[in-house]
């Protein structure tokens, strides 16, 4: 009987280990495959805006009355915290400008200001206050009914290391890199093209290449003095 029990336990361990080996590449189970923005808002300040957070790392989604129900909200995800923010400001014929408030530790201790004009072509995030994150950068893009915005969170390593987060659409991408232990003054912004599954950028003295496979990106970076690799996973 003891031999049978030991054999059963060993088989269970081997089966479990095998399952882990066959899990395959990372998949963002909470991410959408098609745009959430409605066609009626494509040329309006209303709609969906998605973006990256650096300092530490996260994502942000802004809903400016996308469904026509008057709802204006922000969902902020940073360091495994999800914070829902609301506002008392309203959308007008000139667009929107106001502050959103949410709670991390105490009521309304998280603040994000957002401005967008009436056509959705000019936007800005301002006045960001997040406890424990005194130097946060947020970069957003407007999603359209035919343009899915995806956000990837990642890191770079090699001769330098740090955070590298990206906003990706069909054929273009933008990124912010911040070295470990530094602040927004040391950030670098990059943007480039996507052809098929290949991501490229000749950004002055920096060359960045990457390969997108599902919800994963891996690549290399090179400067005249340094080089290394980078990787990112889609989280929004």
Protein backbone atom coordinates (compact mmCIF):
# COMPACT_ATOMS: atom_id res chain seq x y z
CA UNK A 1 0.00 0.00 0.00
CA UNK A 2 2.81 2.41 0.89
CA UNK A 3 4.45 1.62 -2.44
CA UNK A 4 1.20 2.41 -4.29
CA UNK A 5 0.81 5.73 -2.45
CA UNK A 6 4.40 6.73 -3.24
CA UNK A 7 3.89 5.77 -6.89
CA UNK A 8 0.70 7.83 -7.08
CA UNK A 9 2.39 10.85 -5.54
CA UNK A 10 5.33 10.55 -7.93
CA UNK A 11 2.99 10.32 -10.90
CA UNK A 12 1.10 13.41 -9.73
CA UNK A 13 4.33 15.38 -9.38
CA UNK A 14 5.52 14.33 -12.83
CA UNK A 15 2.12 15.17 -14.36
CA UNK A 16 2.10 18.58 -12.71
CA UNK A 17 5.62 19.32 -13.88
CA UNK A 18 4.73 18.27 -17.41
CA UNK A 19 1.71 20.59 -17.44
CA UNK A 20 3.87 23.53 -16.43
CA UNK A 21 6.29 22.76 -19.24
CA UNK A 22 3.43 22.75 -21.76
CA UNK A 23 1.79 25.99 -20.60
CA UNK A 24 3.25 27.79 -23.61
CA UNK A 25 3.93 31.52 -24.05
CA UNK A 26 2.38 34.23 -21.91
CA UNK A 27 -1.14 35.32 -22.92
CA UNK A 28 -2.91 38.40 -21.55
CA UNK A 29 -6.25 36.88 -20.57
CA UNK A 30 -7.76 40.26 -19.64
CA UNK A 31 -6.80 42.02 -22.90
CA UNK A 32 -9.27 42.64 -25.71
CA UNK A 33 -8.70 41.62 -29.33
CA UNK A 34 -10.70 44.42 -30.95
CA UNK A 35 -11.09 48.17 -30.24
CA UNK A 36 -13.40 49.23 -27.43
CA UNK A 37 -13.75 52.70 -28.95
CA UNK A 38 -16.95 53.30 -30.90
CA UNK A 39 -16.94 54.60 -34.48
CA UNK A 40 -19.15 57.54 -33.46
CA UNK A 41 -16.22 58.87 -31.40
CA UNK A 42 -13.42 58.47 -33.94
CA UNK A 43 -13.29 62.22 -34.67
CA UNK A 44 -14.46 63.36 -31.25
CA UNK A 45 -12.89 64.02 -27.89
CA UNK A 46 -15.16 61.31 -26.56
CA UNK A 47 -13.95 57.73 -26.62
CA UNK A 48 -11.25 55.50 -25.19
CA UNK A 49 -7.64 56.47 -24.45
CA UNK A 50 -5.04 53.90 -23.44
CA UNK A 51 -1.49 54.33 -22.33
CA UNK A 52 1.59 53.40 -20.36
CA UNK A 53 2.78 54.36 -16.90
CA UNK A 54 6.46 54.62 -15.98
CA UNK A 55 7.68 55.19 -12.43
CA UNK A 56 7.24 52.37 -11.41
CA UNK A 57 5.27 50.50 -14.12
CA UNK A 58 1.65 50.20 -15.16
CA UNK A 59 -1.16 51.01 -17.58
CA UNK A 60 -4.02 53.48 -17.79
CA UNK A 61 -7.36 53.45 -19.63
CA UNK A 62 -9.45 56.61 -19.86
CA UNK A 63 -13.14 56.49 -20.80
CA UNK A 64 -14.56 59.82 -21.94
CA UNK A 65 -18.26 59.06 -22.44
CA UNK A 66 -17.45 56.33 -24.96
CA UNK A 67 -20.87 54.68 -24.69
CA UNK A 68 -22.84 57.93 -24.66
CA UNK A 69 -24.05 57.27 -21.12
CA UNK A 70 -22.21 60.21 -19.55
CA UNK A 71 -19.65 57.99 -17.80
CA UNK A 72 -16.16 59.45 -17.47
CA UNK A 73 -13.61 57.29 -15.67
CA UNK A 74 -10.00 56.19 -15.43
CA UNK A 75 -8.69 52.74 -14.62
CA UNK A 76 -5.10 52.90 -13.39
CA UNK A 77 -3.01 49.79 -12.83
CA UNK A 78 0.36 50.27 -11.15
CA UNK A 79 2.52 47.80 -9.26
CA UNK A 80 -0.30 45.21 -9.05
CA UNK A 81 -2.78 47.80 -7.71
CA UNK A 82 -5.95 48.60 -9.66
CA UNK A 83 -7.36 52.05 -8.90
CA UNK A 84 -10.66 53.32 -10.30
CA UNK A 85 -10.91 57.09 -10.63
CA UNK A 86 -13.97 59.27 -11.22
CA UNK A 87 -14.55 62.96 -11.88
CA UNK A 88 -17.16 65.63 -11.26
CA UNK A 89 -16.15 67.48 -14.43
CA UNK A 90 -18.19 67.09 -17.61
CA UNK A 91 -17.56 66.78 -21.30
CA UNK A 92 -18.53 69.94 -23.23
CA UNK A 93 -18.63 71.08 -26.84
CA UNK A 94 -15.00 72.16 -26.40
CA UNK A 95 -13.86 68.77 -25.14
CA UNK A 96 -12.85 67.81 -21.62
CA UNK A 97 -10.52 69.14 -18.96
CA UNK A 98 -10.59 68.10 -15.33
CA UNK A 99 -9.26 65.98 -12.51
CA UNK A 100 -10.08 62.36 -11.72
CA UNK A 101 -9.84 61.07 -8.15
CA UNK A 102 -9.34 57.59 -6.73
CA UNK A 103 -8.19 55.78 -3.61
CA UNK A 104 -5.01 53.84 -2.95
CA UNK A 105 -4.56 54.31 0.81
CA UNK A 106 -7.00 57.08 1.77
CA UNK A 107 -9.97 58.69 0.03
CA UNK A 108 -9.03 60.60 -3.13
CA UNK A 109 -5.28 60.32 -2.56
CA UNK A 110 -4.78 59.45 -6.25
CA UNK A 111 -5.22 62.32 -8.72
CA UNK A 112 -4.90 62.37 -12.51
CA UNK A 113 -5.69 65.40 -14.65
CA UNK A 114 -6.71 64.91 -18.28
CA UNK A 115 -7.35 67.27 -21.17
CA UNK A 116 -8.62 66.49 -24.67
CA UNK A 117 -9.98 68.82 -27.33
CA UNK A 118 -13.30 68.33 -29.10
CA UNK A 119 -11.79 66.35 -32.00
CA UNK A 120 -9.58 64.03 -29.94
CA UNK A 121 -6.46 65.24 -31.73
CA UNK A 122 -4.82 67.08 -28.82
CA UNK A 123 -4.57 65.49 -25.37
CA UNK A 124 -2.52 65.79 -22.20
CA UNK A 125 -2.20 64.06 -18.84
CA UNK A 126 -1.25 66.47 -16.04
CA UNK A 127 -1.20 66.93 -12.27
CA UNK A 128 -0.54 63.27 -11.46
CA UNK A 129 -0.39 62.36 -7.76
CA UNK A 130 0.04 58.73 -6.70
CA UNK A 131 1.24 57.89 -3.18
CA UNK A 132 4.63 56.18 -3.31
CA UNK A 133 5.17 57.28 -6.91
CA UNK A 134 6.38 60.86 -6.86
CA UNK A 135 7.74 61.00 -10.40
CA UNK A 136 5.28 59.25 -12.69
CA UNK A 137 5.09 59.64 -16.46
CA UNK A 138 1.86 58.73 -18.29
CA UNK A 139 1.64 58.61 -22.09
CA UNK A 140 -1.74 57.94 -23.76
CA UNK A 141 -3.04 57.43 -27.29
CA UNK A 142 -6.59 57.69 -28.60
CA UNK A 143 -8.08 54.39 -29.66
CA UNK A 144 -10.34 54.37 -32.72
CA UNK A 145 -12.90 51.88 -33.97
CA UNK A 146 -10.37 50.65 -36.54
CA UNK A 147 -7.23 51.11 -34.43
CA UNK A 148 -6.70 48.88 -31.41
CA UNK A 149 -4.30 50.33 -28.86
CA UNK A 150 -2.22 47.77 -26.95
CA UNK A 151 0.07 48.45 -24.01
CA UNK A 152 3.13 46.34 -23.21
CA UNK A 153 5.15 46.49 -19.98
CA UNK A 154 8.75 45.42 -20.11
CA UNK A 155 12.38 45.78 -19.12
CA UNK A 156 15.71 46.30 -20.83
CA UNK A 157 19.02 44.82 -19.69
CA UNK A 158 22.64 44.53 -20.72
CA UNK A 159 25.11 47.37 -20.23
CA UNK A 160 22.19 49.33 -18.74
CA UNK A 161 18.91 48.16 -17.27
CA UNK A 162 15.52 49.55 -16.40
CA UNK A 163 11.85 49.83 -17.40
CA UNK A 164 10.73 49.87 -21.03
CA UNK A 165 6.97 50.24 -21.66
CA UNK A 166 5.30 50.56 -25.04
CA UNK A 167 2.06 51.72 -26.65
CA UNK A 168 1.49 49.68 -29.81
CA UNK A 169 -1.00 50.03 -32.67
CA UNK A 170 -1.24 48.36 -36.08
CA UNK A 171 1.91 49.71 -37.70
CA UNK A 172 3.56 51.98 -35.16
CA UNK A 173 4.77 52.05 -31.59
CA UNK A 174 5.92 54.50 -28.93
CA UNK A 175 7.95 53.72 -25.82
CA UNK A 176 9.41 55.27 -22.72
CA UNK A 177 12.56 53.83 -21.12
CA UNK A 178 13.73 54.77 -17.64
CA UNK A 179 16.97 53.38 -16.15
CA UNK A 180 16.73 51.68 -12.77
CA UNK A 181 17.16 54.11 -9.88
CA UNK A 182 16.70 57.20 -12.04
CA UNK A 183 13.86 59.70 -12.51
CA UNK A 184 11.88 61.25 -15.35
CA UNK A 185 14.80 63.54 -16.22
CA UNK A 186 16.71 60.47 -17.38
CA UNK A 187 13.87 58.98 -19.44
CA UNK A 188 14.18 58.40 -23.17
CA UNK A 189 11.25 58.39 -25.58
CA UNK A 190 11.28 56.27 -28.73
CA UNK A 191 8.92 55.64 -31.59
CA UNK A 192 9.11 53.50 -34.67
CA UNK A 193 7.36 51.29 -37.20
CA UNK A 194 5.92 47.80 -37.23
CA UNK A 195 5.98 45.63 -40.34
CA UNK A 196 4.40 42.24 -39.89
CA UNK A 197 5.84 41.00 -36.62
CA UNK A 198 8.98 43.13 -36.79
CA UNK A 199 9.41 46.28 -34.74
CA UNK A 200 12.17 48.71 -35.72
CA UNK A 201 13.50 52.13 -34.80
CA UNK A 202 16.53 54.12 -35.86
CA UNK A 203 16.23 56.65 -33.06
CA UNK A 204 19.29 58.79 -33.47
CA UNK A 205 22.13 57.13 -31.60
CA UNK A 206 19.90 54.22 -30.52
CA UNK A 207 18.88 51.30 -32.70
CA UNK A 208 16.00 49.18 -31.41
CA UNK A 209 14.68 45.99 -32.97
CA UNK A 210 12.02 43.63 -31.74
CA UNK A 211 9.84 40.70 -32.69
CA UNK A 212 6.17 40.54 -31.68
CA UNK A 213 4.68 37.12 -31.04
CA UNK A 214 1.16 37.23 -29.66
CA UNK A 215 1.29 39.12 -26.36
CA UNK A 216 5.09 39.01 -26.15
CA UNK A 217 7.89 41.15 -27.57
CA UNK A 218 11.60 40.40 -27.43
CA UNK A 219 14.40 42.40 -28.98
CA UNK A 220 17.77 44.09 -28.89
CA UNK A 221 19.05 47.63 -28.43
CA UNK A 222 22.36 49.20 -29.42
CA UNK A 223 24.05 52.58 -28.86
CA UNK A 224 27.61 53.58 -29.79
CA UNK A 225 28.73 52.71 -26.24
CA UNK A 226 26.23 50.13 -24.96
CA UNK A 227 24.01 47.25 -26.03
CA UNK A 228 21.61 44.73 -24.61
CA UNK A 229 18.27 42.99 -24.90
CA UNK A 230 14.71 43.83 -23.93
CA UNK A 231 11.39 42.10 -23.50
CA UNK A 232 7.80 43.09 -22.81
CA UNK A 233 4.40 41.54 -22.18
CA UNK A 234 1.02 42.96 -23.13
CA UNK A 235 -1.02 44.00 -20.09
CA UNK A 236 -3.74 46.19 -21.67
